[in-house]
Amino acid sequence: MSVEAIQNKLTELLGSGSGLDGSLKMKFGDAGVVRIEGTEVTTDDTDADATINISLEDAVAMMEGDLNPTMAFMQGKLSVDGNMGMAMKLSNLLDD
C-alpha cells in the first residue's frame, strides 16, 4: 500500500460523513504525508492541528486493521505532535 492508497482509504472512510472538525496530518518520514481537513484528504504538507509521525509500514498495518492505533502509540510506533484529541478521532474513524 502506498501513500496514495492510504489517501484513498481515508477518503473512503470519511465518505459523506461530517469528517473531522479540524485538521490532522500523518507523516510517513521520507515516504510522504497525508493530511485530513474536514472531509478532504490531500498530500499537502501544511500545518495541522495534530501530526501523527508513523512509518509507512505501520500506517498500512493500521489501515488494514492489523495494528491498533492505541497499541501503536503505547509501543512507540507512532507519536503525536499537537492536539491529542484530534489524533484520537483518527483512531475512532479506523475502528468504525
C-alpha atoms as a PDB file:
ATOM      1  CA  MET A   1       0.000   0.000   0.000  1.00  0.00           C
ATOM      2  CA  SER A   2       1.315   3.425  -0.932  1.00  0.00           C
ATOM      3  CA  VAL A   3       0.712   6.917   0.423  1.00  0.00           C
ATOM      4  CA  GLU A   4      -1.837   7.354  -2.380  1.00  0.00           C
ATOM      5  CA  ALA A   5      -3.624   4.148  -1.314  1.00  0.00           C
ATOM      6  CA  ILE A   6      -3.799   5.415   2.277  1.00  0.00           C
ATOM      7  CA  GLN A   7      -5.178   8.711   0.978  1.00  0.00           C
ATOM      8  CA  ASN A   8      -7.856   6.826  -0.975  1.00  0.00           C
ATOM      9  CA  LYS A   9      -8.724   4.608   2.013  1.00  0.00           C
ATOM     10  CA  LEU A  10      -9.143   7.630   4.308  1.00  0.00           C
ATOM     11  CA  THR A  11     -11.273   9.382   1.678  1.00  0.00           C
ATOM     12  CA  GLU A  12     -13.462   6.270   1.534  1.00  0.00           C
ATOM     13  CA  LEU A  13     -13.716   6.048   5.339  1.00  0.00           C
ATOM     14  CA  LEU A  14     -14.704   9.707   5.638  1.00  0.00           C
ATOM     15  CA  GLY A  15     -17.296   9.207   2.897  1.00  0.00           C
ATOM     16  CA  SER A  16     -20.171  11.625   3.029  1.00  0.00           C
ATOM     17  CA  GLY A  17     -19.965  11.925   6.814  1.00  0.00           C
ATOM     18  CA  SER A  18     -19.187  15.108   8.691  1.00  0.00           C
ATOM     19  CA  GLY A  19     -15.437  14.427   8.633  1.00  0.00           C
ATOM     20  CA  LEU A  20     -13.071  15.839  11.227  1.00  0.00           C
ATOM     21  CA  ASP A  21     -13.775  19.187  12.857  1.00  0.00           C
ATOM     22  CA  GLY A  22     -10.167  20.200  12.392  1.00  0.00           C
ATOM     23  CA  SER A  23      -7.030  19.055  10.618  1.00  0.00           C
ATOM     24  CA  LEU A  24      -4.787  16.049  11.038  1.00  0.00           C
ATOM     25  CA  LYS A  25      -1.574  15.146   9.250  1.00  0.00           C
ATOM     26  CA  MET A  26       0.103  11.738   9.055  1.00  0.00           C
ATOM     27  CA  LYS A  27       3.824  11.944   8.282  1.00  0.00           C
ATOM     28  CA  PHE A  28       5.467   8.792   6.943  1.00  0.00           C
ATOM     29  CA  GLY A  29       9.056  10.026   7.087  1.00  0.00           C
ATOM     30  CA  ASP A  30      10.596  10.304   3.620  1.00  0.00           C
ATOM     31  CA  ALA A  31       7.661   8.352   2.108  1.00  0.00           C
ATOM     32  CA  GLY A  32       5.298  11.326   2.261  1.00  0.00           C
ATOM     33  CA  VAL A  33       2.344  12.895   4.028  1.00  0.00           C
ATOM     34  CA  VAL A  34      -1.430  12.553   4.138  1.00  0.00           C
ATOM     35  CA  ARG A  35      -3.462  15.466   5.530  1.00  0.00           C
ATOM     36  CA  ILE A  36      -7.137  15.433   6.507  1.00  0.00           C
ATOM     37  CA  GLU A  37      -9.177  18.603   6.924  1.00  0.00           C
ATOM     38  CA  GLY A  38     -12.904  18.090   7.307  1.00  0.00           C
ATOM     39  CA  THR A  39     -13.741  15.508   4.643  1.00  0.00           C
ATOM     40  CA  GLU A  40     -10.870  16.442   2.320  1.00  0.00           C
ATOM     41  CA  VAL A  41      -7.809  14.179   2.206  1.00  0.00           C
ATOM     42  CA  THR A  42      -4.702  15.504   0.435  1.00  0.00           C
ATOM     43  CA  THR A  43      -0.949  15.002   0.339  1.00  0.00           C
ATOM     44  CA  ASP A  44      -0.274  18.646   1.263  1.00  0.00           C
ATOM     45  CA  ASP A  45       2.462  19.053   3.859  1.00  0.00           C
ATOM     46  CA  THR A  46       0.919  22.101   5.534  1.00  0.00           C
ATOM     47  CA  ASP A  47       0.337  22.785   9.228  1.00  0.00           C
ATOM     48  CA  ALA A  48      -2.370  20.790  11.021  1.00  0.00           C
ATOM     49  CA  ASP A  49      -3.970  20.705  14.476  1.00  0.00           C
ATOM     50  CA  ALA A  50      -2.201  17.382  15.095  1.00  0.00           C
ATOM     51  CA  THR A  51       0.586  15.499  13.366  1.00  0.00           C
ATOM     52  CA  ILE A  52       0.985  11.750  13.656  1.00  0.00           C
ATOM     53  CA  ASN A  53       4.517  10.525  12.930  1.00  0.00           C
ATOM     54  CA  ILE A  54       4.477   6.885  11.830  1.00  0.00           C
ATOM     55  CA  SER A  55       6.311   4.657   9.374  1.00  0.00           C
ATOM     56  CA  LEU A  56       4.512   3.863   6.138  1.00  0.00           C
ATOM     57  CA  GLU A  57       4.662   0.159   7.032  1.00  0.00           C
ATOM     58  CA  ASP A  58       2.947   0.712  10.402  1.00  0.00           C
ATOM     59  CA  ALA A  59       0.386   3.066   8.831  1.00  0.00           C
ATOM     60  CA  VAL A  60      -0.509   0.368   6.312  1.00  0.00           C
ATOM     61  CA  ALA A  61      -0.950  -2.139   9.146  1.00  0.00           C
ATOM     62  CA  MET A  62      -3.260   0.354  10.898  1.00  0.00           C
ATOM     63  CA  MET A  63      -5.309   0.919   7.734  1.00  0.00           C
ATOM     64  CA  GLU A  64      -5.681  -2.833   7.234  1.00  0.00           C
ATOM     65  CA  GLY A  65      -6.761  -3.350  10.850  1.00  0.00           C
ATOM     66  CA  ASP A  66      -3.638  -5.313  11.783  1.00  0.00           C
ATOM     67  CA  LEU A  67      -2.294  -2.634  14.151  1.00  0.00           C
ATOM     68  CA  ASN A  68      -4.441  -0.945  16.788  1.00  0.00           C
ATOM     69  CA  PRO A  69      -3.691   2.816  16.868  1.00  0.00           C
ATOM     70  CA  THR A  70      -3.688   2.928  20.694  1.00  0.00           C
ATOM     71  CA  MET A  71      -1.300  -0.022  20.896  1.00  0.00           C
ATOM     72  CA  ALA A  72       0.929   1.548  18.243  1.00  0.00           C
ATOM     73  CA  PHE A  73       1.132   4.688  20.376  1.00  0.00           C
ATOM     74  CA  MET A  74       1.887   2.722  23.534  1.00  0.00           C
ATOM     75  CA  GLN A  75       4.569   0.692  21.716  1.00  0.00           C
ATOM     76  CA  GLY A  76       6.232   3.851  20.405  1.00  0.00           C
ATOM     77  CA  LYS A  77       5.399   3.045  16.783  1.00  0.00           C
ATOM     78  CA  LEU A  78       3.706   6.411  16.414  1.00  0.00           C
ATOM     79  CA  SER A  79       3.998   9.779  18.084  1.00  0.00           C
ATOM     80  CA  VAL A  80       1.631  12.720  18.150  1.00  0.00           C
ATOM     81  CA  ASP A  81       2.534  16.395  17.986  1.00  0.00           C
ATOM     82  CA  GLY A  82      -0.246  18.857  18.759  1.00  0.00           C
ATOM     83  CA  ASN A  83      -3.867  18.121  19.643  1.00  0.00           C
ATOM     84  CA  MET A  84      -4.084  14.556  21.000  1.00  0.00           C
ATOM     85  CA  GLY A  85      -7.897  14.681  20.793  1.00  0.00           C
ATOM     86  CA  MET A  86      -7.683  15.201  17.035  1.00  0.00           C
ATOM     87  CA  ALA A  87      -5.382  12.179  16.754  1.00  0.00           C
ATOM     88  CA  MET A  88      -7.923  10.105  18.717  1.00  0.00           C
ATOM     89  CA  LYS A  89     -10.541  10.974  16.097  1.00  0.00           C
ATOM     90  CA  LEU A  90      -8.462   9.064  13.546  1.00  0.00           C
ATOM     91  CA  SER A  91      -8.432   6.071  15.859  1.00  0.00           C
ATOM     92  CA  ASN A  92     -12.230   6.274  16.135  1.00  0.00           C
ATOM     93  CA  LEU A  93     -12.534   6.548  12.362  1.00  0.00           C
ATOM     94  CA  LEU A  94     -10.422   3.425  11.848  1.00  0.00           C
ATOM     95  CA  ASP A  95     -12.397   1.482  14.469  1.00  0.00           C
ATOM     96  CA  ASP A  96     -15.730   2.056  12.685  1.00  0.00           C
END
